[in-house]
């Protein structure tokens, strides 16, 4: 499948100098799509957790859990980081 994209002149010139431009662009697009999917998954999980917490009264949340709520807010940690941690720990 062919896709036409517009690039700034300087970026286009640099890209044309690459020995395997097609592979480079393909890998870059795949990486961006995976990152976006991971970001959306993380966002969806956070929204789901927030909704569950809002449905639960503070008396029903254990103190340790309550202390951890929001601890990762604003961080760049996502599901792939957690998976990598588990692989390093157990494999």
N, C-alpha and C. Protein backbone atom coordinates (compact mmCIF):
# COMPACT_ATOMS: atom_id res chain seq x y z
N UNK A 1 0.84 -1.18 0.00
CA UNK A 1 0.00 0.00 0.00
C UNK A 1 0.88 1.24 0.00
N UNK A 2 0.53 2.19 -0.77
CA UNK A 2 1.30 3.43 -0.83
C UNK A 2 0.55 4.53 -0.08
N UNK A 3 1.33 5.35 0.62
CA UNK A 3 0.76 6.48 1.35
C UNK A 3 1.61 7.70 1.04
N UNK A 4 0.95 8.79 0.75
CA UNK A 4 1.67 10.03 0.46
C UNK A 4 1.63 10.90 1.71
N UNK A 5 2.81 11.42 2.11
CA UNK A 5 2.87 12.30 3.27
C UNK A 5 3.65 13.56 2.91
N UNK A 6 3.34 14.64 3.59
CA UNK A 6 4.06 15.89 3.40
C UNK A 6 5.09 16.02 4.51
N UNK A 7 6.32 16.35 4.16
CA UNK A 7 7.40 16.55 5.12
C UNK A 7 8.07 17.89 4.86
N UNK A 8 8.63 18.50 5.90
CA UNK A 8 9.45 19.69 5.68
C UNK A 8 10.62 19.33 4.76
N UNK A 9 11.06 20.27 3.94
CA UNK A 9 12.10 20.00 2.94
C UNK A 9 13.34 19.35 3.56
N UNK A 10 13.85 19.92 4.64
CA UNK A 10 15.09 19.41 5.24
C UNK A 10 14.91 17.97 5.72
N UNK A 11 13.78 17.69 6.34
CA UNK A 11 13.52 16.33 6.81
C UNK A 11 13.41 15.36 5.64
N UNK A 12 12.75 15.78 4.58
CA UNK A 12 12.62 14.94 3.38
C UNK A 12 13.98 14.64 2.76
N UNK A 13 14.85 15.64 2.71
CA UNK A 13 16.19 15.43 2.15
C UNK A 13 16.98 14.42 2.98
N UNK A 14 16.89 14.54 4.31
CA UNK A 14 17.59 13.60 5.18
C UNK A 14 17.04 12.19 5.00
N UNK A 15 15.73 12.08 4.87
CA UNK A 15 15.11 10.77 4.70
C UNK A 15 15.53 10.13 3.39
N UNK A 16 15.62 10.91 2.34
CA UNK A 16 16.01 10.37 1.03
C UNK A 16 17.45 9.86 1.01
N UNK A 17 18.28 10.34 1.93
CA UNK A 17 19.68 9.88 2.01
C UNK A 17 19.81 8.53 2.71
N UNK A 18 18.75 8.08 3.37
CA UNK A 18 18.80 6.82 4.11
C UNK A 18 18.86 5.64 3.14
N UNK A 19 19.70 4.63 3.44
CA UNK A 19 19.84 3.49 2.53
C UNK A 19 18.55 2.67 2.38
N UNK A 20 17.80 2.50 3.46
CA UNK A 20 16.56 1.73 3.38
C UNK A 20 15.42 2.56 3.97
N UNK A 21 15.06 3.59 3.22
CA UNK A 21 14.07 4.55 3.67
C UNK A 21 12.74 3.87 4.00
N UNK A 22 12.30 2.95 3.20
CA UNK A 22 11.01 2.29 3.41
C UNK A 22 10.97 1.57 4.75
N UNK A 23 12.03 0.82 5.06
CA UNK A 23 12.09 0.09 6.33
C UNK A 23 12.12 1.07 7.50
N UNK A 24 12.89 2.13 7.37
CA UNK A 24 12.98 3.13 8.42
C UNK A 24 11.62 3.74 8.73
N UNK A 25 10.91 4.15 7.70
CA UNK A 25 9.59 4.75 7.88
C UNK A 25 8.62 3.72 8.46
N UNK A 26 8.66 2.51 7.97
CA UNK A 26 7.77 1.45 8.47
C UNK A 26 7.99 1.23 9.96
N UNK A 27 9.25 1.11 10.38
CA UNK A 27 9.55 0.87 11.80
C UNK A 27 9.13 2.06 12.66
N UNK A 28 9.34 3.27 12.16
CA UNK A 28 8.97 4.47 12.91
C UNK A 28 7.46 4.53 13.11
N UNK A 29 6.70 4.24 12.07
CA UNK A 29 5.24 4.26 12.16
C UNK A 29 4.76 3.17 13.12
N UNK A 30 5.33 1.97 13.02
CA UNK A 30 4.95 0.88 13.92
C UNK A 30 5.20 1.28 15.37
N UNK A 31 6.35 1.89 15.63
CA UNK A 31 6.69 2.30 16.99
C UNK A 31 5.70 3.35 17.50
N UNK A 32 5.38 4.33 16.68
CA UNK A 32 4.44 5.37 17.09
C UNK A 32 3.06 4.79 17.37
N UNK A 33 2.62 3.85 16.54
CA UNK A 33 1.30 3.24 16.75
C UNK A 33 1.28 2.41 18.03
N UNK A 34 2.35 1.68 18.32
CA UNK A 34 2.43 0.91 19.56
C UNK A 34 2.43 1.82 20.78
N UNK A 35 3.17 2.93 20.70
CA UNK A 35 3.20 3.88 21.80
C UNK A 35 1.83 4.49 22.03
N UNK A 36 1.14 4.82 20.96
CA UNK A 36 -0.21 5.39 21.08
C UNK A 36 -1.17 4.36 21.67
N UNK A 37 -1.07 3.12 21.24
CA UNK A 37 -1.93 2.07 21.77
C UNK A 37 -1.64 1.87 23.27
N UNK A 38 -0.38 1.88 23.64
CA UNK A 38 0.00 1.73 25.04
C UNK A 38 -0.51 2.90 25.87
N UNK A 39 -0.40 4.11 25.31
CA UNK A 39 -0.88 5.30 26.03
C UNK A 39 -2.39 5.22 26.23
N UNK A 40 -3.10 4.80 25.20
CA UNK A 40 -4.56 4.68 25.31
C UNK A 40 -4.94 3.61 26.32
N UNK A 41 -4.22 2.47 26.30
CA UNK A 41 -4.51 1.40 27.24
C UNK A 41 -4.29 1.88 28.66
N UNK A 42 -3.18 2.57 28.89
CA UNK A 42 -2.88 3.10 30.22
C UNK A 42 -3.95 4.10 30.63
N UNK A 43 -4.33 4.97 29.73
CA UNK A 43 -5.36 5.97 30.02
C UNK A 43 -6.68 5.28 30.36
N UNK A 44 -7.06 4.28 29.57
CA UNK A 44 -8.31 3.56 29.82
C UNK A 44 -8.29 2.88 31.19
N UNK A 45 -7.13 2.29 31.55
CA UNK A 45 -7.02 1.64 32.85
C UNK A 45 -7.14 2.66 33.98
N UNK A 46 -6.51 3.81 33.82
CA UNK A 46 -6.59 4.85 34.85
C UNK A 46 -8.01 5.37 35.01
N UNK A 47 -8.70 5.56 33.89
CA UNK A 47 -10.09 6.02 33.95
C UNK A 47 -10.95 4.98 34.66
N UNK A 48 -10.74 3.72 34.31
CA UNK A 48 -11.51 2.63 34.94
C UNK A 48 -11.24 2.58 36.44
N UNK A 49 -9.98 2.71 36.84
CA UNK A 49 -9.64 2.69 38.26
C UNK A 49 -10.25 3.89 38.98
N UNK A 50 -10.20 5.05 38.36
CA UNK A 50 -10.76 6.25 38.96
C UNK A 50 -12.27 6.08 39.17
N UNK A 51 -12.94 5.50 38.18
CA UNK A 51 -14.38 5.27 38.30
C UNK A 51 -14.69 4.29 39.43
N UNK A 52 -13.88 3.24 39.53
CA UNK A 52 -14.08 2.28 40.61
C UNK A 52 -13.85 2.92 41.97
N UNK A 53 -12.84 3.76 42.06
CA UNK A 53 -12.56 4.44 43.33
C UNK A 53 -13.67 5.40 43.70
N UNK A 54 -14.25 6.05 42.72
CA UNK A 54 -15.34 6.99 42.99
C UNK A 54 -16.58 6.25 43.47
N UNK A 55 -16.77 5.01 43.00
CA UNK A 55 -17.91 4.21 43.42
C UNK A 55 -17.72 3.63 44.81
N UNK A 56 -16.47 3.55 45.26
CA UNK A 56 -16.15 2.95 46.54
C UNK A 56 -15.94 4.05 47.56
N UNK A 57 -16.54 3.90 48.71
CA UNK A 57 -16.33 4.91 49.76
C UNK A 57 -14.93 4.74 50.34
N UNK A 58 -14.42 5.82 50.95
CA UNK A 58 -13.07 5.78 51.53
C UNK A 58 -12.95 4.75 52.63
N UNK A 59 -14.07 4.43 53.30
CA UNK A 59 -14.03 3.44 54.37
C UNK A 59 -13.76 2.03 53.83
N UNK A 60 -14.13 1.80 52.56
CA UNK A 60 -13.95 0.47 51.97
C UNK A 60 -12.54 0.28 51.38
N UNK A 61 -11.77 1.35 51.21
CA UNK A 61 -10.43 1.26 50.65
C UNK A 61 -9.42 1.04 51.77
N UNK A 62 -8.59 0.03 51.62
CA UNK A 62 -7.58 -0.24 52.63
C UNK A 62 -6.58 0.92 52.69
N UNK A 63 -6.01 1.21 53.86
CA UNK A 63 -5.09 2.35 54.00
C UNK A 63 -3.91 2.32 53.02
N UNK A 64 -3.34 1.14 52.78
CA UNK A 64 -2.19 1.07 51.87
C UNK A 64 -2.63 1.44 50.46
N UNK A 65 -3.78 0.91 50.02
CA UNK A 65 -4.29 1.24 48.70
C UNK A 65 -4.58 2.74 48.60
N UNK A 66 -5.21 3.30 49.63
CA UNK A 66 -5.53 4.72 49.63
C UNK A 66 -4.25 5.57 49.51
N UNK A 67 -3.17 5.12 50.14
CA UNK A 67 -1.92 5.89 50.08
C UNK A 67 -1.27 5.83 48.70
N UNK A 68 -1.60 4.81 47.90
CA UNK A 68 -1.01 4.66 46.57
C UNK A 68 -1.82 5.31 45.46
N UNK A 69 -3.05 5.67 45.75
CA UNK A 69 -3.91 6.26 44.72
C UNK A 69 -3.28 7.54 44.19
N UNK A 70 -3.07 7.59 42.89
CA UNK A 70 -2.52 8.78 42.24
C UNK A 70 -1.01 8.88 42.28
N UNK A 71 -0.32 7.87 42.81
CA UNK A 71 1.13 7.96 42.97
C UNK A 71 1.85 8.05 41.62
N UNK A 72 1.29 7.47 40.57
CA UNK A 72 1.93 7.48 39.26
C UNK A 72 1.41 8.60 38.36
N UNK A 73 0.51 9.42 38.87
CA UNK A 73 -0.05 10.50 38.07
C UNK A 73 1.07 11.42 37.57
N UNK A 74 1.06 11.67 36.27
CA UNK A 74 2.07 12.55 35.68
C UNK A 74 3.37 11.85 35.32
N UNK A 75 3.49 10.56 35.63
CA UNK A 75 4.72 9.85 35.30
C UNK A 75 4.60 9.27 33.88
N UNK A 76 5.73 8.83 33.36
CA UNK A 76 5.75 8.25 32.01
C UNK A 76 5.68 6.74 32.04
N UNK A 77 5.28 6.17 33.16
CA UNK A 77 5.20 4.72 33.31
C UNK A 77 3.94 4.23 32.61
N UNK A 78 4.09 3.14 31.85
CA UNK A 78 2.92 2.57 31.19
C UNK A 78 2.94 1.04 31.32
N UNK A 79 2.00 0.40 30.70
CA UNK A 79 1.85 -1.04 30.80
C UNK A 79 3.10 -1.77 30.31
N UNK A 80 3.73 -1.26 29.27
CA UNK A 80 4.93 -1.93 28.75
C UNK A 80 6.07 -1.89 29.77
N UNK A 81 6.15 -0.81 30.55
CA UNK A 81 7.16 -0.75 31.62
C UNK A 81 6.91 -1.84 32.66
N UNK A 82 5.65 -2.03 33.00
CA UNK A 82 5.30 -3.06 33.97
C UNK A 82 5.63 -4.45 33.45
N UNK A 83 5.31 -4.70 32.18
CA UNK A 83 5.63 -5.99 31.57
C UNK A 83 7.13 -6.23 31.55
N UNK A 84 7.89 -5.18 31.21
CA UNK A 84 9.35 -5.30 31.19
C UNK A 84 9.87 -5.63 32.59
N UNK A 85 9.31 -4.97 33.61
CA UNK A 85 9.71 -5.24 34.99
C UNK A 85 9.47 -6.70 35.34
N UNK A 86 8.30 -7.22 34.98
CA UNK A 86 7.98 -8.61 35.28
C UNK A 86 8.92 -9.58 34.57
N UNK A 87 9.24 -9.29 33.31
CA UNK A 87 10.16 -10.14 32.56
C UNK A 87 11.53 -10.15 33.21
N UNK A 88 12.02 -8.98 33.61
CA UNK A 88 13.34 -8.91 34.23
C UNK A 88 13.36 -9.61 35.60
N UNK A 89 12.25 -9.52 36.29
CA UNK A 89 12.19 -10.10 37.63
C UNK A 89 12.05 -11.61 37.59
N UNK A 90 11.25 -12.14 36.67
CA UNK A 90 10.93 -13.56 36.71
C UNK A 90 11.54 -14.39 35.60
N UNK A 91 12.14 -13.78 34.59
CA UNK A 91 12.72 -14.59 33.51
C UNK A 91 14.23 -14.57 33.56
